[in-house]
């Protein structure tokens, strides 16, 4: 689904058997350097994001981090091995826990330069595996597609203000 006013793209894709992807992107009216600076200001992220409220730990490539999410008024803390490529992307790729056990998570936050004054921000997540009796890769992808555009729009507003 593309929405013209926000210049965004939102999609859930089946990539293979038991392999689903949530893909979202949004165009931000700002240089890539400004978008990256706001996106990677780990101490300030909770001031503008209503869902991703903290990234703490070693934020270098292969560092161990604790990611804090706010969902339905409750904070969840999940340890991850951080993936970091300066001015390109960050994220994590780990086995999921709890009610998502049986799935592999591959979450990415990526920036791409469109022009000197525009940046494409991409947030995607691949879910692979059989899952369990309560949750499949397809179900997780269909849940996360509800949250990612909100984060993307909050980032856009923060950067453009």
C-alpha atoms as a PDB file:
ATOM      1  CA  UNK A   1       0.000   0.000   0.000  1.00  0.00           C
ATOM      2  CA  UNK A   2       1.368   3.420  -0.939  1.00  0.00           C
ATOM      3  CA  UNK A   3       0.045   6.579   0.615  1.00  0.00           C
ATOM      4  CA  UNK A   4       0.791   9.680  -1.415  1.00  0.00           C
ATOM      5  CA  UNK A   5       0.637  12.311   1.331  1.00  0.00           C
ATOM      6  CA  UNK A   6       3.319  10.615   3.448  1.00  0.00           C
ATOM      7  CA  UNK A   7       5.232   9.178   0.467  1.00  0.00           C
ATOM      8  CA  UNK A   8       5.331   5.809   2.155  1.00  0.00           C
ATOM      9  CA  UNK A   9       5.152   2.155   1.255  1.00  0.00           C
ATOM     10  CA  UNK A  10       3.736  -0.537   3.570  1.00  0.00           C
ATOM     11  CA  UNK A  11       3.668  -4.235   2.703  1.00  0.00           C
ATOM     12  CA  UNK A  12       3.686  -7.757   4.126  1.00  0.00           C
ATOM     13  CA  UNK A  13       5.431 -10.151   1.743  1.00  0.00           C
ATOM     14  CA  UNK A  14       5.650 -13.929   1.639  1.00  0.00           C
ATOM     15  CA  UNK A  15       9.260 -14.622   0.610  1.00  0.00           C
ATOM     16  CA  UNK A  16       9.215 -18.401   0.945  1.00  0.00           C
ATOM     17  CA  UNK A  17       7.589 -21.161   2.974  1.00  0.00           C
ATOM     18  CA  UNK A  18       7.556 -20.018   6.625  1.00  0.00           C
ATOM     19  CA  UNK A  19       9.429 -16.834   5.634  1.00  0.00           C
ATOM     20  CA  UNK A  20       7.525 -13.554   5.777  1.00  0.00           C
ATOM     21  CA  UNK A  21       8.683  -9.954   5.657  1.00  0.00           C
ATOM     22  CA  UNK A  22       7.230  -6.729   6.973  1.00  0.00           C
ATOM     23  CA  UNK A  23       8.502  -3.950   4.687  1.00  0.00           C
ATOM     24  CA  UNK A  24       7.867  -0.243   5.215  1.00  0.00           C
ATOM     25  CA  UNK A  25       9.506   2.883   3.916  1.00  0.00           C
ATOM     26  CA  UNK A  26       8.896   6.623   4.067  1.00  0.00           C
ATOM     27  CA  UNK A  27      10.450   9.634   2.362  1.00  0.00           C
ATOM     28  CA  UNK A  28      11.826  12.214   4.789  1.00  0.00           C
ATOM     29  CA  UNK A  29      12.470  15.776   3.648  1.00  0.00           C
ATOM     30  CA  UNK A  30      15.962  16.051   5.098  1.00  0.00           C
ATOM     31  CA  UNK A  31      19.543  15.115   4.227  1.00  0.00           C
ATOM     32  CA  UNK A  32      20.604  11.555   5.084  1.00  0.00           C
ATOM     33  CA  UNK A  33      23.053  12.865   7.720  1.00  0.00           C
ATOM     34  CA  UNK A  34      20.245  14.545   9.681  1.00  0.00           C
ATOM     35  CA  UNK A  35      18.001  11.468   9.510  1.00  0.00           C
ATOM     36  CA  UNK A  36      20.838   9.212  10.661  1.00  0.00           C
ATOM     37  CA  UNK A  37      21.738  11.578  13.527  1.00  0.00           C
ATOM     38  CA  UNK A  38      18.171  11.587  14.895  1.00  0.00           C
ATOM     39  CA  UNK A  39      17.695   7.846  14.317  1.00  0.00           C
ATOM     40  CA  UNK A  40      20.908   6.898  16.155  1.00  0.00           C
ATOM     41  CA  UNK A  41      20.588   9.321  19.072  1.00  0.00           C
ATOM     42  CA  UNK A  42      19.941   6.416  21.443  1.00  0.00           C
ATOM     43  CA  UNK A  43      19.517   8.721  24.479  1.00  0.00           C
ATOM     44  CA  UNK A  44      16.767  10.718  22.802  1.00  0.00           C
ATOM     45  CA  UNK A  45      14.760   8.065  20.948  1.00  0.00           C
ATOM     46  CA  UNK A  46      12.135   7.712  23.691  1.00  0.00           C
ATOM     47  CA  UNK A  47      11.368  11.449  23.396  1.00  0.00           C
ATOM     48  CA  UNK A  48       9.805  10.990  19.961  1.00  0.00           C
ATOM     49  CA  UNK A  49       9.136   7.247  19.485  1.00  0.00           C
ATOM     50  CA  UNK A  50       6.042   5.741  21.071  1.00  0.00           C
ATOM     51  CA  UNK A  51       7.206   2.144  20.503  1.00  0.00           C
ATOM     52  CA  UNK A  52      11.007   1.846  20.425  1.00  0.00           C
ATOM     53  CA  UNK A  53      11.940   3.464  23.721  1.00  0.00           C
ATOM     54  CA  UNK A  54      15.531   2.410  24.256  1.00  0.00           C
ATOM     55  CA  UNK A  55      18.671   0.896  22.808  1.00  0.00           C
ATOM     56  CA  UNK A  56      21.264   0.366  25.523  1.00  0.00           C
ATOM     57  CA  UNK A  57      24.615  -1.387  25.521  1.00  0.00           C
ATOM     58  CA  UNK A  58      27.368  -1.752  22.947  1.00  0.00           C
ATOM     59  CA  UNK A  59      25.918  -0.159  19.789  1.00  0.00           C
ATOM     60  CA  UNK A  60      28.908  -1.089  17.630  1.00  0.00           C
ATOM     61  CA  UNK A  61      28.676  -3.935  15.116  1.00  0.00           C
ATOM     62  CA  UNK A  62      28.334  -7.307  16.943  1.00  0.00           C
ATOM     63  CA  UNK A  63      27.841  -5.535  20.283  1.00  0.00           C
ATOM     64  CA  UNK A  64      25.339  -6.776  22.846  1.00  0.00           C
ATOM     65  CA  UNK A  65      22.375  -4.463  23.343  1.00  0.00           C
ATOM     66  CA  UNK A  66      19.091  -4.390  25.209  1.00  0.00           C
ATOM     67  CA  UNK A  67      16.202  -3.165  23.064  1.00  0.00           C
ATOM     68  CA  UNK A  68      13.215  -1.714  24.946  1.00  0.00           C
ATOM     69  CA  UNK A  69       9.770  -1.602  23.319  1.00  0.00           C
ATOM     70  CA  UNK A  70       6.537  -0.153  24.598  1.00  0.00           C
ATOM     71  CA  UNK A  71       3.491  -2.195  23.553  1.00  0.00           C
ATOM     72  CA  UNK A  72       0.009  -1.647  25.004  1.00  0.00           C
ATOM     73  CA  UNK A  73       1.465   0.371  27.888  1.00  0.00           C
ATOM     74  CA  UNK A  74       3.973  -2.311  28.904  1.00  0.00           C
ATOM     75  CA  UNK A  75       7.743  -2.163  28.374  1.00  0.00           C
ATOM     76  CA  UNK A  76       9.488  -5.248  27.014  1.00  0.00           C
ATOM     77  CA  UNK A  77      13.288  -5.602  27.136  1.00  0.00           C
ATOM     78  CA  UNK A  78      14.934  -7.974  24.675  1.00  0.00           C
ATOM     79  CA  UNK A  79      18.668  -8.711  24.361  1.00  0.00           C
ATOM     80  CA  UNK A  80      20.132  -8.722  20.860  1.00  0.00           C
ATOM     81  CA  UNK A  81      23.456  -8.822  19.046  1.00  0.00           C
ATOM     82  CA  UNK A  82      23.608  -5.458  17.277  1.00  0.00           C
ATOM     83  CA  UNK A  83      24.222  -5.091  13.557  1.00  0.00           C
ATOM     84  CA  UNK A  84      25.597  -1.652  12.689  1.00  0.00           C
ATOM     85  CA  UNK A  85      26.827  -0.087   9.441  1.00  0.00           C
ATOM     86  CA  UNK A  86      27.489   3.629   9.923  1.00  0.00           C
ATOM     87  CA  UNK A  87      25.252   5.900   7.810  1.00  0.00           C
ATOM     88  CA  UNK A  88      23.522   2.837   6.305  1.00  0.00           C
ATOM     89  CA  UNK A  89      21.656   0.606   8.737  1.00  0.00           C
ATOM     90  CA  UNK A  90      21.360  -0.957  12.141  1.00  0.00           C
ATOM     91  CA  UNK A  91      19.347  -3.821  13.537  1.00  0.00           C
ATOM     92  CA  UNK A  92      19.563  -7.362  14.846  1.00  0.00           C
ATOM     93  CA  UNK A  93      19.029 -10.941  13.725  1.00  0.00           C
ATOM     94  CA  UNK A  94      18.320 -13.387  16.525  1.00  0.00           C
ATOM     95  CA  UNK A  95      16.039 -16.259  17.494  1.00  0.00           C
ATOM     96  CA  UNK A  96      12.833 -14.904  19.023  1.00  0.00           C
ATOM     97  CA  UNK A  97      11.752 -15.759  22.562  1.00  0.00           C
ATOM     98  CA  UNK A  98       8.593 -16.249  24.587  1.00  0.00           C
ATOM     99  CA  UNK A  99       5.377 -16.513  22.595  1.00  0.00           C
ATOM    100  CA  UNK A 100       7.436 -16.018  19.392  1.00  0.00           C
ATOM    101  CA  UNK A 101       9.697 -19.020  20.049  1.00  0.00           C
ATOM    102  CA  UNK A 102      10.515 -21.011  16.927  1.00  0.00           C
ATOM    103  CA  UNK A 103      11.017 -17.915  14.758  1.00  0.00           C
ATOM    104  CA  UNK A 104      14.106 -16.016  13.629  1.00  0.00           C
ATOM    105  CA  UNK A 105      13.887 -12.218  13.627  1.00  0.00           C
ATOM    106  CA  UNK A 106      15.918 -10.062  11.199  1.00  0.00           C
ATOM    107  CA  UNK A 107      14.993  -6.418  11.970  1.00  0.00           C
ATOM    108  CA  UNK A 108      16.601  -3.550  10.021  1.00  0.00           C
ATOM    109  CA  UNK A 109      16.449   0.240  10.144  1.00  0.00           C
ATOM    110  CA  UNK A 110      18.029   1.592   6.938  1.00  0.00           C
ATOM    111  CA  UNK A 111      18.593   5.009   5.353  1.00  0.00           C
ATOM    112  CA  UNK A 112      19.082   5.668   1.631  1.00  0.00           C
ATOM    113  CA  UNK A 113      19.978   8.989   0.056  1.00  0.00           C
ATOM    114  CA  UNK A 114      17.445  10.104  -2.561  1.00  0.00           C
ATOM    115  CA  UNK A 115      18.927  13.590  -3.035  1.00  0.00           C
ATOM    116  CA  UNK A 116      20.758  16.208  -0.965  1.00  0.00           C
ATOM    117  CA  UNK A 117      17.434  17.101   0.674  1.00  0.00           C
ATOM    118  CA  UNK A 118      15.525  13.789   0.736  1.00  0.00           C
ATOM    119  CA  UNK A 119      16.122  10.447   2.419  1.00  0.00           C
ATOM    120  CA  UNK A 120      14.258   7.156   2.215  1.00  0.00           C
ATOM    121  CA  UNK A 121      13.940   5.494   5.619  1.00  0.00           C
ATOM    122  CA  UNK A 122      13.281   1.742   5.428  1.00  0.00           C
ATOM    123  CA  UNK A 123      12.185  -0.404   8.329  1.00  0.00           C
ATOM    124  CA  UNK A 124      11.870  -4.099   7.574  1.00  0.00           C
ATOM    125  CA  UNK A 125      11.770  -7.351   9.466  1.00  0.00           C
ATOM    126  CA  UNK A 126      12.062 -10.892   8.183  1.00  0.00           C
ATOM    127  CA  UNK A 127      10.445 -13.668  10.194  1.00  0.00           C
ATOM    128  CA  UNK A 128      11.544 -17.215   9.405  1.00  0.00           C
ATOM    129  CA  UNK A 129      10.731 -20.548  10.937  1.00  0.00           C
ATOM    130  CA  UNK A 130       7.884 -22.806  11.893  1.00  0.00           C
ATOM    131  CA  UNK A 131       6.945 -20.740  14.912  1.00  0.00           C
ATOM    132  CA  UNK A 132       4.734 -22.515  17.428  1.00  0.00           C
ATOM    133  CA  UNK A 133       1.088 -23.410  17.960  1.00  0.00           C
ATOM    134  CA  UNK A 134       0.285 -19.796  18.922  1.00  0.00           C
ATOM    135  CA  UNK A 135       2.332 -17.767  16.446  1.00  0.00           C
ATOM    136  CA  UNK A 136       3.542 -18.226  12.868  1.00  0.00           C
ATOM    137  CA  UNK A 137       5.942 -16.102  10.801  1.00  0.00           C
ATOM    138  CA  UNK A 138       2.964 -14.820   8.812  1.00  0.00           C
ATOM    139  CA  UNK A 139       1.079 -13.799  11.963  1.00  0.00           C
ATOM    140  CA  UNK A 140       4.064 -11.888  13.376  1.00  0.00           C
ATOM    141  CA  UNK A 141       4.558 -10.056  10.064  1.00  0.00           C
ATOM    142  CA  UNK A 142       0.888  -9.064  10.028  1.00  0.00           C
ATOM    143  CA  UNK A 143       1.133  -7.773  13.612  1.00  0.00           C
ATOM    144  CA  UNK A 144       4.321  -5.732  13.125  1.00  0.00           C
ATOM    145  CA  UNK A 145       3.039  -4.052   9.962  1.00  0.00           C
ATOM    146  CA  UNK A 146       0.632  -2.164  12.236  1.00  0.00           C
ATOM    147  CA  UNK A 147       3.465  -0.661  14.334  1.00  0.00           C
ATOM    148  CA  UNK A 148       6.274   0.074  11.871  1.00  0.00           C
ATOM    149  CA  UNK A 149       4.505   2.897   9.966  1.00  0.00           C
ATOM    150  CA  UNK A 150       3.824   4.681  13.262  1.00  0.00           C
ATOM    151  CA  UNK A 151       7.540   4.666  14.134  1.00  0.00           C
ATOM    152  CA  UNK A 152       8.420   5.774  10.590  1.00  0.00           C
ATOM    153  CA  UNK A 153       5.983   8.722  10.739  1.00  0.00           C
ATOM    154  CA  UNK A 154       7.239   9.718  14.190  1.00  0.00           C
ATOM    155  CA  UNK A 155      10.819   9.724  12.856  1.00  0.00           C
ATOM    156  CA  UNK A 156       9.740  11.841   9.865  1.00  0.00           C
ATOM    157  CA  UNK A 157       8.017  14.384  12.128  1.00  0.00           C
ATOM    158  CA  UNK A 158      11.016  14.546  14.501  1.00  0.00           C
ATOM    159  CA  UNK A 159      13.550  15.018  11.692  1.00  0.00           C
ATOM    160  CA  UNK A 160      11.508  17.546   9.719  1.00  0.00           C
ATOM    161  CA  UNK A 161      10.714  19.755  12.749  1.00  0.00           C
END
